[in-house]
Amino acid sequence: MTNRRKALKTIALSSILASAPVALTKAEEKKPSSIKFSLNTSTIRGQKLSLSQMIQVAAKAGYDGIELWIMELNQYLDSGKSLSSLKKELDDAGIKAVNAIGFATWMAQDAEKSKKGFEQIEHEMNQLAEIGCIRVAAPAIGAEAPVDLFEAGEKYAKLLELGRKTGCMPQLEFWGAFPPFYQLGQALAVAAIANDPDARLLPDVYHLFRGRSGFDGLKLVSGNAIEVFHLNDFSDTLPREQQEDKHRIYPGDGVAPLKEIAKTLVEMGGEKTLSLELFNPSLYKMDAQFVADTGLAKMKQFF
């Protein structure tokens, strides 16, 4: 009888252990990313609209947010309007300023230039926080090749502290045609060296292509390490080295592996805002509302 009980216990325990991996797998399954859509104002810049008009275009098209540029914010303030009035315009339109594009020289190797860059971006972060914009792009403007990735990581860590202080967090950006800082691998290294839970990357389809990063590297990233992603496409009509920002086209109109990119971003988890960033002169000749409407439809075919 005792042996029988032992045998039954052994069978029961074996059953529990056999099912444990399944239970653990179910518990650890990641939720897919939640996706929102934003219009980067560069996409309709050529129509010479005011920031207020661009907000209305984005809202009417159905975007969740708008990605503005610091120069447009300055123009808005120079016209006599205030940060509080801009926030009200965004609130009334029902969209958020999800990110802003600036060019502070925080990563510059020159100590004085870097200091001025930190002062500039702190000022801009404070302004953006007032309008409810909780992110700002942090490209390597001012840096010279070769960039010391360890030094850059330490500066990015300092920038993140500034972001927590102001309420507007820096998104580390790389440009594919910018020799000092053009590769996803460089950005990953700098973010890792910063060793900060708030470190974030700001990738771009065009820049991943132009700097020869490729797209498989995105699979090394998970969760909210990417909160904003610039969506666009590129053609094969020109050699990679000859392609410029002006050659960006609507998502789906080129040869970028956007289905694969979309799958990677969705499986990554976390919250993602896909921002349509184009600089194509041919689009500047069209009605801004038509461009915005078309761009959103082109993005949604992949998400």
C-alpha atoms as a PDB file:
ATOM      1  CA  MET A   1       0.000   0.000   0.000  1.00  0.00           C
ATOM      2  CA  THR A   2       2.844   2.325   0.890  1.00  0.00           C
ATOM      3  CA  ASN A   3       4.547   1.701  -2.439  1.00  0.00           C
ATOM      4  CA  ARG A   4       1.295   2.389  -4.240  1.00  0.00           C
ATOM      5  CA  ARG A   5       0.904   5.754  -2.469  1.00  0.00           C
ATOM      6  CA  LYS A   6       4.487   6.653  -3.369  1.00  0.00           C
ATOM      7  CA  ALA A   7       3.820   5.740  -6.975  1.00  0.00           C
ATOM      8  CA  LEU A   8       0.684   7.895  -7.074  1.00  0.00           C
ATOM      9  CA  LYS A   9       2.552  10.837  -5.509  1.00  0.00           C
ATOM     10  CA  THR A  10       5.324  10.453  -8.058  1.00  0.00           C
ATOM     11  CA  ILE A  11       2.842  10.435 -10.938  1.00  0.00           C
ATOM     12  CA  ALA A  12       1.028  13.495  -9.529  1.00  0.00           C
ATOM     13  CA  LEU A  13       4.282  15.395  -9.012  1.00  0.00           C
ATOM     14  CA  SER A  14       5.448  14.509 -12.519  1.00  0.00           C
ATOM     15  CA  SER A  15       2.177  15.866 -13.933  1.00  0.00           C
ATOM     16  CA  ILE A  16       2.592  19.145 -12.056  1.00  0.00           C
ATOM     17  CA  LEU A  17       6.184  19.561 -13.199  1.00  0.00           C
ATOM     18  CA  ALA A  18       5.265  18.724 -16.778  1.00  0.00           C
ATOM     19  CA  SER A  19       2.595  21.440 -16.828  1.00  0.00           C
ATOM     20  CA  ALA A  20       4.763  24.039 -15.080  1.00  0.00           C
ATOM     21  CA  PRO A  21       6.593  25.257 -18.228  1.00  0.00           C
ATOM     22  CA  VAL A  22       3.230  25.762 -19.952  1.00  0.00           C
ATOM     23  CA  ALA A  23       1.896  27.766 -16.994  1.00  0.00           C
ATOM     24  CA  LEU A  24       5.066  29.836 -16.808  1.00  0.00           C
ATOM     25  CA  THR A  25       4.992  30.474 -20.558  1.00  0.00           C
ATOM     26  CA  LYS A  26       1.418  31.733 -20.338  1.00  0.00           C
ATOM     27  CA  ALA A  27       2.284  33.992 -17.388  1.00  0.00           C
ATOM     28  CA  GLU A  28       5.297  35.446 -19.182  1.00  0.00           C
ATOM     29  CA  GLU A  29       3.647  36.060 -22.551  1.00  0.00           C
ATOM     30  CA  LYS A  30       4.171  39.676 -23.596  1.00  0.00           C
ATOM     31  CA  LYS A  31       1.274  41.815 -24.618  1.00  0.00           C
ATOM     32  CA  PRO A  32       1.634  43.262 -28.106  1.00  0.00           C
ATOM     33  CA  SER A  33       2.476  46.928 -28.455  1.00  0.00           C
ATOM     34  CA  SER A  34      -0.299  49.493 -28.352  1.00  0.00           C
ATOM     35  CA  ILE A  35      -0.004  51.667 -31.443  1.00  0.00           C
ATOM     36  CA  LYS A  36      -0.827  55.339 -31.925  1.00  0.00           C
ATOM     37  CA  PHE A  37      -0.191  57.611 -34.886  1.00  0.00           C
ATOM     38  CA  SER A  38       1.404  61.032 -35.144  1.00  0.00           C
ATOM     39  CA  LEU A  39       2.115  63.570 -37.872  1.00  0.00           C
ATOM     40  CA  ASN A  40       5.591  65.074 -37.917  1.00  0.00           C
ATOM     41  CA  THR A  41       5.152  68.655 -39.099  1.00  0.00           C
ATOM     42  CA  SER A  42       8.027  68.270 -41.587  1.00  0.00           C
ATOM     43  CA  THR A  43       5.606  66.261 -43.747  1.00  0.00           C
ATOM     44  CA  ILE A  44       3.529  69.371 -44.524  1.00  0.00           C
ATOM     45  CA  ARG A  45       6.141  72.058 -43.903  1.00  0.00           C
ATOM     46  CA  GLY A  46       6.338  73.107 -47.544  1.00  0.00           C
ATOM     47  CA  GLN A  47       2.740  74.317 -47.508  1.00  0.00           C
ATOM     48  CA  LYS A  48       3.893  77.163 -45.227  1.00  0.00           C
ATOM     49  CA  LEU A  49       1.181  76.639 -42.631  1.00  0.00           C
ATOM     50  CA  SER A  50       1.363  78.018 -39.122  1.00  0.00           C
ATOM     51  CA  LEU A  51       1.768  75.620 -36.209  1.00  0.00           C
ATOM     52  CA  SER A  52      -1.872  76.253 -35.310  1.00  0.00           C
ATOM     53  CA  GLN A  53      -2.965  75.285 -38.816  1.00  0.00           C
ATOM     54  CA  MET A  54      -0.832  72.127 -38.764  1.00  0.00           C
ATOM     55  CA  ILE A  55      -2.437  71.088 -35.489  1.00  0.00           C
ATOM     56  CA  GLN A  56      -5.863  71.422 -37.099  1.00  0.00           C
ATOM     57  CA  VAL A  57      -4.778  69.414 -40.155  1.00  0.00           C
ATOM     58  CA  ALA A  58      -3.445  66.588 -37.968  1.00  0.00           C
ATOM     59  CA  ALA A  59      -6.579  66.550 -35.806  1.00  0.00           C
ATOM     60  CA  LYS A  60      -8.945  66.557 -38.794  1.00  0.00           C
ATOM     61  CA  ALA A  61      -7.046  63.660 -40.390  1.00  0.00           C
ATOM     62  CA  GLY A  62      -7.467  61.606 -37.221  1.00  0.00           C
ATOM     63  CA  TYR A  63      -3.936  61.455 -35.859  1.00  0.00           C
ATOM     64  CA  ASP A  64      -3.497  60.869 -32.134  1.00  0.00           C
ATOM     65  CA  GLY A  65      -0.675  63.366 -31.904  1.00  0.00           C
ATOM     66  CA  ILE A  66       1.643  65.791 -33.606  1.00  0.00           C
ATOM     67  CA  GLU A  67       5.427  65.903 -33.598  1.00  0.00           C
ATOM     68  CA  LEU A  68       6.552  69.504 -33.786  1.00  0.00           C
ATOM     69  CA  TRP A  69       9.921  71.176 -34.272  1.00  0.00           C
ATOM     70  CA  ILE A  70      11.498  73.620 -31.829  1.00  0.00           C
ATOM     71  CA  MET A  71      11.832  76.224 -34.582  1.00  0.00           C
ATOM     72  CA  GLU A  72       8.041  76.113 -35.062  1.00  0.00           C
ATOM     73  CA  LEU A  73       7.511  76.493 -31.331  1.00  0.00           C
ATOM     74  CA  ASN A  74       9.780  79.559 -31.375  1.00  0.00           C
ATOM     75  CA  GLN A  75       7.913  81.026 -34.339  1.00  0.00           C
ATOM     76  CA  TYR A  76       4.634  80.506 -32.501  1.00  0.00           C
ATOM     77  CA  LEU A  77       5.973  82.350 -29.431  1.00  0.00           C
ATOM     78  CA  ASP A  78       7.525  85.090 -31.563  1.00  0.00           C
ATOM     79  CA  SER A  79       4.086  85.781 -33.023  1.00  0.00           C
ATOM     80  CA  GLY A  80       2.988  86.951 -29.575  1.00  0.00           C
ATOM     81  CA  LYS A  81       1.237  83.775 -28.453  1.00  0.00           C
ATOM     82  CA  SER A  82       2.041  81.845 -25.278  1.00  0.00           C
ATOM     83  CA  LEU A  83       2.804  78.285 -24.211  1.00  0.00           C
ATOM     84  CA  SER A  84      -0.508  78.138 -22.368  1.00  0.00           C
ATOM     85  CA  SER A  85      -2.392  79.145 -25.524  1.00  0.00           C
ATOM     86  CA  LEU A  86      -0.577  76.428 -27.482  1.00  0.00           C
ATOM     87  CA  LYS A  87      -1.512  73.840 -24.880  1.00  0.00           C
ATOM     88  CA  LYS A  88      -5.128  74.961 -25.120  1.00  0.00           C
ATOM     89  CA  GLU A  89      -5.039  74.629 -28.916  1.00  0.00           C
ATOM     90  CA  LEU A  90      -3.726  71.068 -28.590  1.00  0.00           C
ATOM     91  CA  ASP A  91      -6.299  70.181 -25.941  1.00  0.00           C
ATOM     92  CA  ASP A  92      -9.149  71.692 -27.944  1.00  0.00           C
ATOM     93  CA  ALA A  93      -8.033  69.761 -31.047  1.00  0.00           C
ATOM     94  CA  GLY A  94      -7.938  66.543 -29.025  1.00  0.00           C
ATOM     95  CA  ILE A  95      -4.349  65.616 -29.876  1.00  0.00           C
ATOM     96  CA  LYS A  96      -1.059  65.623 -27.993  1.00  0.00           C
ATOM     97  CA  ALA A  97       2.380  66.938 -28.787  1.00  0.00           C
ATOM     98  CA  VAL A  98       4.031  63.524 -28.577  1.00  0.00           C
ATOM     99  CA  ASN A  99       7.593  64.636 -29.277  1.00  0.00           C
ATOM    100  CA  ALA A 100       9.616  67.606 -30.459  1.00  0.00           C
ATOM    101  CA  ILE A 101      12.615  67.883 -32.776  1.00  0.00           C
ATOM    102  CA  GLY A 102      15.483  70.071 -31.566  1.00  0.00           C
ATOM    103  CA  PHE A 103      19.182  70.498 -32.269  1.00  0.00           C
ATOM    104  CA  ALA A 104      20.967  71.136 -28.988  1.00  0.00           C
ATOM    105  CA  THR A 105      24.700  70.318 -29.059  1.00  0.00           C
ATOM    106  CA  TRP A 106      24.726  68.247 -25.856  1.00  0.00           C
ATOM    107  CA  MET A 107      26.900  65.449 -27.305  1.00  0.00           C
ATOM    108  CA  ALA A 108      29.609  67.758 -28.678  1.00  0.00           C
ATOM    109  CA  GLN A 109      33.143  66.829 -27.629  1.00  0.00           C
ATOM    110  CA  ASP A 110      33.991  70.488 -27.115  1.00  0.00           C
ATOM    111  CA  ALA A 111      33.234  71.193 -23.452  1.00  0.00           C
ATOM    112  CA  GLU A 112      31.866  74.701 -23.985  1.00  0.00           C
ATOM    113  CA  LYS A 113      29.695  73.664 -26.919  1.00  0.00           C
ATOM    114  CA  SER A 114      28.328  70.732 -24.913  1.00  0.00           C
ATOM    115  CA  LYS A 115      27.600  72.986 -21.934  1.00  0.00           C
ATOM    116  CA  LYS A 116      25.633  75.383 -24.128  1.00  0.00           C
ATOM    117  CA  GLY A 117      23.792  72.420 -25.631  1.00  0.00           C
ATOM    118  CA  PHE A 118      22.709  71.216 -22.195  1.00  0.00           C
ATOM    119  CA  GLU A 119      21.550  74.724 -21.288  1.00  0.00           C
ATOM    120  CA  GLN A 120      19.596  74.978 -24.537  1.00  0.00           C
ATOM    121  CA  ILE A 121      17.878  71.625 -24.241  1.00  0.00           C
ATOM    122  CA  GLU A 122      16.960  72.240 -20.590  1.00  0.00           C
ATOM    123  CA  HIS A 123      15.238  75.463 -21.645  1.00  0.00           C
ATOM    124  CA  GLU A 124      13.431  73.619 -24.438  1.00  0.00           C
ATOM    125  CA  MET A 125      12.455  70.749 -22.146  1.00  0.00           C
ATOM    126  CA  ASN A 126      10.846  73.171 -19.720  1.00  0.00           C
ATOM    127  CA  GLN A 127       8.907  74.812 -22.544  1.00  0.00           C
ATOM    128  CA  LEU A 128       7.741  71.488 -23.924  1.00  0.00           C
ATOM    129  CA  ALA A 129       6.653  70.228 -20.518  1.00  0.00           C
ATOM    130  CA  GLU A 130       4.371  73.278 -20.243  1.00  0.00           C
ATOM    131  CA  ILE A 131       2.448  72.235 -23.351  1.00  0.00           C
ATOM    132  CA  GLY A 132       2.220  68.614 -22.216  1.00  0.00           C
ATOM    133  CA  CYS A 133       4.981  67.318 -24.505  1.00  0.00           C
ATOM    134  CA  ILE A 134       6.874  64.695 -22.498  1.00  0.00           C
ATOM    135  CA  ARG A 135       9.578  63.889 -25.078  1.00  0.00           C
ATOM    136  CA  VAL A 136      12.253  65.629 -27.107  1.00  0.00           C
ATOM    137  CA  ALA A 137      14.571  64.207 -29.752  1.00  0.00           C
ATOM    138  CA  ALA A 138      18.230  64.110 -28.729  1.00  0.00           C
ATOM    139  CA  PRO A 139      20.367  63.749 -31.869  1.00  0.00           C
ATOM    140  CA  ALA A 140      24.162  63.941 -31.840  1.00  0.00           C
ATOM    141  CA  ILE A 141      24.266  67.378 -33.446  1.00  0.00           C
ATOM    142  CA  GLY A 142      27.598  69.078 -32.778  1.00  0.00           C
ATOM    143  CA  ALA A 143      29.495  65.822 -32.330  1.00  0.00           C
ATOM    144  CA  GLU A 144      32.512  65.026 -34.486  1.00  0.00           C
ATOM    145  CA  ALA A 145      33.811  61.654 -35.628  1.00  0.00           C
ATOM    146  CA  PRO A 146      34.934  59.513 -33.973  1.00  0.00           C
ATOM    147  CA  VAL A 147      32.444  59.680 -31.104  1.00  0.00           C
ATOM    148  CA  ASP A 148      33.642  58.193 -27.816  1.00  0.00           C
ATOM    149  CA  LEU A 149      30.617  56.032 -27.020  1.00  0.00           C
ATOM    150  CA  PHE A 150      31.489  55.806 -23.315  1.00  0.00           C
ATOM    151  CA  GLU A 151      31.683  59.593 -23.007  1.00  0.00           C
ATOM    152  CA  ALA A 152      28.462  59.933 -25.010  1.00  0.00           C
ATOM    153  CA  GLY A 153      26.770  57.419 -22.707  1.00  0.00           C
ATOM    154  CA  GLU A 154      27.772  59.430 -19.655  1.00  0.00           C
ATOM    155  CA  LYS A 155      26.375  62.590 -21.265  1.00  0.00           C
ATOM    156  CA  TYR A 156      23.159  60.826 -22.160  1.00  0.00           C
ATOM    157  CA  ALA A 157      22.796  59.691 -18.545  1.00  0.00           C
ATOM    158  CA  LYS A 158      23.168  63.340 -17.505  1.00  0.00           C
ATOM    159  CA  LEU A 159      20.565  64.316 -20.102  1.00  0.00           C
ATOM    160  CA  LEU A 160      18.124  61.756 -18.724  1.00  0.00           C
ATOM    161  CA  GLU A 161      18.514  63.265 -15.241  1.00  0.00           C
ATOM    162  CA  LEU A 162      17.618  66.604 -16.803  1.00  0.00           C
ATOM    163  CA  GLY A 163      14.590  65.013 -18.427  1.00  0.00           C
ATOM    164  CA  ARG A 164      13.286  63.742 -15.091  1.00  0.00           C
ATOM    165  CA  LYS A 165      13.853  67.171 -13.574  1.00  0.00           C
ATOM    166  CA  THR A 166      11.898  68.982 -16.312  1.00  0.00           C
ATOM    167  CA  GLY A 167       9.303  66.342 -17.166  1.00  0.00           C
ATOM    168  CA  CYS A 168      10.378  66.001 -20.809  1.00  0.00           C
ATOM    169  CA  MET A 169      12.490  62.938 -21.609  1.00  0.00           C
ATOM    170  CA  PRO A 170      15.238  62.836 -24.278  1.00  0.00           C
ATOM    171  CA  GLN A 171      14.890  60.249 -27.045  1.00  0.00           C
ATOM    172  CA  LEU A 172      18.324  59.263 -28.377  1.00  0.00           C
ATOM    173  CA  GLU A 173      18.347  59.733 -32.154  1.00  0.00           C
ATOM    174  CA  PHE A 174      20.834  58.758 -34.861  1.00  0.00           C
ATOM    175  CA  TRP A 175      20.986  59.990 -38.470  1.00  0.00           C
ATOM    176  CA  GLY A 176      21.981  57.609 -41.240  1.00  0.00           C
ATOM    177  CA  ALA A 177      23.922  60.195 -43.239  1.00  0.00           C
ATOM    178  CA  PHE A 178      25.679  61.808 -40.238  1.00  0.00           C
ATOM    179  CA  PRO A 179      29.193  60.251 -40.004  1.00  0.00           C
ATOM    180  CA  PRO A 180      29.763  60.792 -36.266  1.00  0.00           C
ATOM    181  CA  PHE A 181      26.572  59.021 -35.154  1.00  0.00           C
ATOM    182  CA  TYR A 182      24.739  57.146 -37.896  1.00  0.00           C
ATOM    183  CA  GLN A 183      24.227  53.547 -36.752  1.00  0.00           C
ATOM    184  CA  LEU A 184      21.669  51.768 -34.571  1.00  0.00           C
ATOM    185  CA  GLY A 185      24.580  49.928 -32.953  1.00  0.00           C
ATOM    186  CA  GLN A 186      26.089  53.203 -31.764  1.00  0.00           C
ATOM    187  CA  ALA A 187      22.779  54.308 -30.279  1.00  0.00           C
ATOM    188  CA  LEU A 188      22.302  50.945 -28.548  1.00  0.00           C
ATOM    189  CA  ALA A 189      25.791  51.219 -27.045  1.00  0.00           C
ATOM    190  CA  VAL A 190      25.259  54.777 -25.782  1.00  0.00           C
ATOM    191  CA  ALA A 191      21.879  53.872 -24.274  1.00  0.00           C
ATOM    192  CA  ALA A 192      23.385  50.801 -22.569  1.00  0.00           C
ATOM    193  CA  ILE A 193      26.347  52.765 -21.216  1.00  0.00           C
ATOM    194  CA  ALA A 194      23.948  55.346 -19.758  1.00  0.00           C
ATOM    195  CA  ASN A 195      22.571  52.423 -17.684  1.00  0.00           C
ATOM    196  CA  ASP A 196      19.288  54.171 -17.007  1.00  0.00           C
ATOM    197  CA  PRO A 197      15.773  52.692 -17.016  1.00  0.00           C
ATOM    198  CA  ASP A 198      14.469  55.769 -18.845  1.00  0.00           C
ATOM    199  CA  ALA A 199      16.873  55.436 -21.800  1.00  0.00           C
ATOM    200  CA  ARG A 200      14.934  55.534 -25.083  1.00  0.00           C
ATOM    201  CA  LEU A 201      15.830  55.250 -28.774  1.00  0.00           C
ATOM    202  CA  LEU A 202      14.219  57.156 -31.642  1.00  0.00           C
ATOM    203  CA  PRO A 203      14.728  55.081 -34.823  1.00  0.00           C
ATOM    204  CA  ASP A 204      13.637  55.995 -38.330  1.00  0.00           C
ATOM    205  CA  VAL A 205      13.082  53.715 -41.344  1.00  0.00           C
ATOM    206  CA  TYR A 206      15.060  56.022 -43.633  1.00  0.00           C
ATOM    207  CA  HIS A 207      17.970  56.393 -41.192  1.00  0.00           C
ATOM    208  CA  LEU A 208      18.149  52.636 -40.562  1.00  0.00           C
ATOM    209  CA  PHE A 209      18.429  52.182 -44.327  1.00  0.00           C
ATOM    210  CA  ARG A 210      20.700  55.131 -45.078  1.00  0.00           C
ATOM    211  CA  GLY A 211      23.236  54.322 -42.355  1.00  0.00           C
ATOM    212  CA  ARG A 212      23.238  50.624 -43.265  1.00  0.00           C
ATOM    213  CA  SER A 213      21.976  49.566 -39.849  1.00  0.00           C
ATOM    214  CA  GLY A 214      19.382  47.298 -41.396  1.00  0.00           C
ATOM    215  CA  PHE A 215      16.264  46.276 -39.517  1.00  0.00           C
ATOM    216  CA  ASP A 216      17.111  43.067 -37.657  1.00  0.00           C
ATOM    217  CA  GLY A 217      18.823  45.067 -34.912  1.00  0.00           C
ATOM    218  CA  LEU A 218      15.404  46.313 -33.832  1.00  0.00           C
ATOM    219  CA  LYS A 219      14.729  42.786 -32.583  1.00  0.00           C
ATOM    220  CA  LEU A 220      17.296  43.362 -29.834  1.00  0.00           C
ATOM    221  CA  VAL A 221      15.058  46.032 -28.350  1.00  0.00           C
ATOM    222  CA  SER A 222      12.009  45.338 -26.189  1.00  0.00           C
ATOM    223  CA  GLY A 223       9.253  47.089 -24.287  1.00  0.00           C
ATOM    224  CA  ASN A 224       9.215  50.858 -24.055  1.00  0.00           C
ATOM    225  CA  ALA A 225      12.853  51.339 -25.108  1.00  0.00           C
ATOM    226  CA  ILE A 226      11.268  52.698 -28.300  1.00  0.00           C
ATOM    227  CA  GLU A 227       8.288  54.964 -27.685  1.00  0.00           C
ATOM    228  CA  VAL A 228       8.410  57.003 -30.908  1.00  0.00           C
ATOM    229  CA  PHE A 229       9.313  55.554 -34.303  1.00  0.00           C
ATOM    230  CA  HIS A 230       9.596  57.616 -37.495  1.00  0.00           C
ATOM    231  CA  LEU A 231       7.721  55.870 -40.285  1.00  0.00           C
ATOM    232  CA  ASN A 232       8.474  56.426 -43.969  1.00  0.00           C
ATOM    233  CA  ASP A 233       9.794  54.461 -46.937  1.00  0.00           C
ATOM    234  CA  PHE A 234      12.566  54.558 -49.531  1.00  0.00           C
ATOM    235  CA  SER A 235      12.889  53.512 -53.158  1.00  0.00           C
ATOM    236  CA  ASP A 236      15.572  51.651 -55.072  1.00  0.00           C
ATOM    237  CA  THR A 237      15.769  54.214 -57.870  1.00  0.00           C
ATOM    238  CA  LEU A 238      18.942  55.738 -56.403  1.00  0.00           C
ATOM    239  CA  PRO A 239      21.978  54.156 -54.728  1.00  0.00           C
ATOM    240  CA  ARG A 240      21.694  54.200 -50.941  1.00  0.00           C
ATOM    241  CA  GLU A 241      24.575  56.685 -50.547  1.00  0.00           C
ATOM    242  CA  GLN A 242      22.854  59.197 -52.833  1.00  0.00           C
ATOM    243  CA  GLN A 243      19.511  59.163 -51.065  1.00  0.00           C
ATOM    244  CA  GLU A 244      18.616  62.188 -48.935  1.00  0.00           C
ATOM    245  CA  ASP A 245      15.774  63.214 -46.657  1.00  0.00           C
ATOM    246  CA  LYS A 246      13.940  64.676 -49.641  1.00  0.00           C
ATOM    247  CA  HIS A 247      13.728  61.205 -51.196  1.00  0.00           C
ATOM    248  CA  ARG A 248      11.596  59.753 -48.387  1.00  0.00           C
ATOM    249  CA  ILE A 249       8.205  58.532 -49.559  1.00  0.00           C
ATOM    250  CA  TYR A 250       4.926  57.320 -48.084  1.00  0.00           C
ATOM    251  CA  PRO A 251       5.037  53.997 -46.194  1.00  0.00           C
ATOM    252  CA  GLY A 252       4.265  51.224 -48.651  1.00  0.00           C
ATOM    253  CA  ASP A 253       5.281  53.168 -51.747  1.00  0.00           C
ATOM    254  CA  GLY A 254       8.873  51.892 -51.656  1.00  0.00           C
ATOM    255  CA  VAL A 255      10.934  48.806 -50.914  1.00  0.00           C
ATOM    256  CA  ALA A 256      11.414  48.973 -47.126  1.00  0.00           C
ATOM    257  CA  PRO A 257      10.420  45.705 -45.379  1.00  0.00           C
ATOM    258  CA  LEU A 258       7.581  47.432 -43.568  1.00  0.00           C
ATOM    259  CA  LYS A 259       5.578  44.272 -42.839  1.00  0.00           C
ATOM    260  CA  GLU A 260       8.595  42.838 -41.039  1.00  0.00           C
ATOM    261  CA  ILE A 261       9.278  46.143 -39.256  1.00  0.00           C
ATOM    262  CA  ALA A 262       5.638  46.350 -38.160  1.00  0.00           C
ATOM    263  CA  LYS A 263       5.758  42.791 -36.838  1.00  0.00           C
ATOM    264  CA  THR A 264       8.929  43.571 -34.862  1.00  0.00           C
ATOM    265  CA  LEU A 265       7.462  46.727 -33.356  1.00  0.00           C
ATOM    266  CA  VAL A 266       4.188  45.052 -32.390  1.00  0.00           C
ATOM    267  CA  GLU A 267       5.949  42.062 -30.805  1.00  0.00           C
ATOM    268  CA  MET A 268       8.265  44.409 -28.915  1.00  0.00           C
ATOM    269  CA  GLY A 269       5.538  45.341 -26.459  1.00  0.00           C
ATOM    270  CA  GLY A 270       5.001  48.659 -24.738  1.00  0.00           C
ATOM    271  CA  GLU A 271       3.399  51.812 -26.086  1.00  0.00           C
ATOM    272  CA  LYS A 272       4.467  53.037 -29.511  1.00  0.00           C
ATOM    273  CA  THR A 273       3.710  56.206 -31.433  1.00  0.00           C
ATOM    274  CA  LEU A 274       4.434  55.957 -35.147  1.00  0.00           C
ATOM    275  CA  SER A 275       5.196  59.374 -36.545  1.00  0.00           C
ATOM    276  CA  LEU A 276       5.027  60.079 -40.273  1.00  0.00           C
ATOM    277  CA  GLU A 277       8.196  62.045 -41.073  1.00  0.00           C
ATOM    278  CA  LEU A 278       8.667  63.049 -44.715  1.00  0.00           C
ATOM    279  CA  PHE A 279      10.514  65.902 -46.421  1.00  0.00           C
ATOM    280  CA  ASN A 280       9.414  65.208 -49.970  1.00  0.00           C
ATOM    281  CA  PRO A 281       9.117  68.333 -52.189  1.00  0.00           C
ATOM    282  CA  SER A 282       6.489  66.642 -54.370  1.00  0.00           C
ATOM    283  CA  LEU A 283       4.174  66.428 -51.346  1.00  0.00           C
ATOM    284  CA  TYR A 284       4.673  70.123 -50.593  1.00  0.00           C
ATOM    285  CA  LYS A 285       2.903  70.906 -53.886  1.00  0.00           C
ATOM    286  CA  MET A 286      -0.235  69.114 -52.709  1.00  0.00           C
ATOM    287  CA  ASP A 287      -2.996  70.141 -50.340  1.00  0.00           C
ATOM    288  CA  ALA A 288      -1.753  69.658 -46.766  1.00  0.00           C
ATOM    289  CA  GLN A 289      -4.952  67.934 -45.642  1.00  0.00           C
ATOM    290  CA  PHE A 290      -4.759  65.471 -48.513  1.00  0.00           C
ATOM    291  CA  VAL A 291      -1.127  64.677 -47.644  1.00  0.00           C
ATOM    292  CA  ALA A 292      -1.969  64.135 -43.975  1.00  0.00           C
ATOM    293  CA  ASP A 293      -5.029  61.989 -44.741  1.00  0.00           C
ATOM    294  CA  THR A 294      -3.115  59.861 -47.233  1.00  0.00           C
ATOM    295  CA  GLY A 295      -0.165  59.450 -44.887  1.00  0.00           C
ATOM    296  CA  LEU A 296      -2.317  58.113 -42.061  1.00  0.00           C
ATOM    297  CA  ALA A 297      -4.029  55.613 -44.362  1.00  0.00           C
ATOM    298  CA  LYS A 298      -0.638  54.483 -45.671  1.00  0.00           C
ATOM    299  CA  MET A 299       0.633  53.878 -42.121  1.00  0.00           C
ATOM    300  CA  LYS A 300      -2.459  52.032 -40.963  1.00  0.00           C
ATOM    301  CA  GLN A 301      -2.168  49.433 -43.739  1.00  0.00           C
ATOM    302  CA  PHE A 302       0.753  47.960 -41.773  1.00  0.00           C
ATOM    303  CA  PHE A 303      -0.744  48.330 -38.268  1.00  0.00           C
END
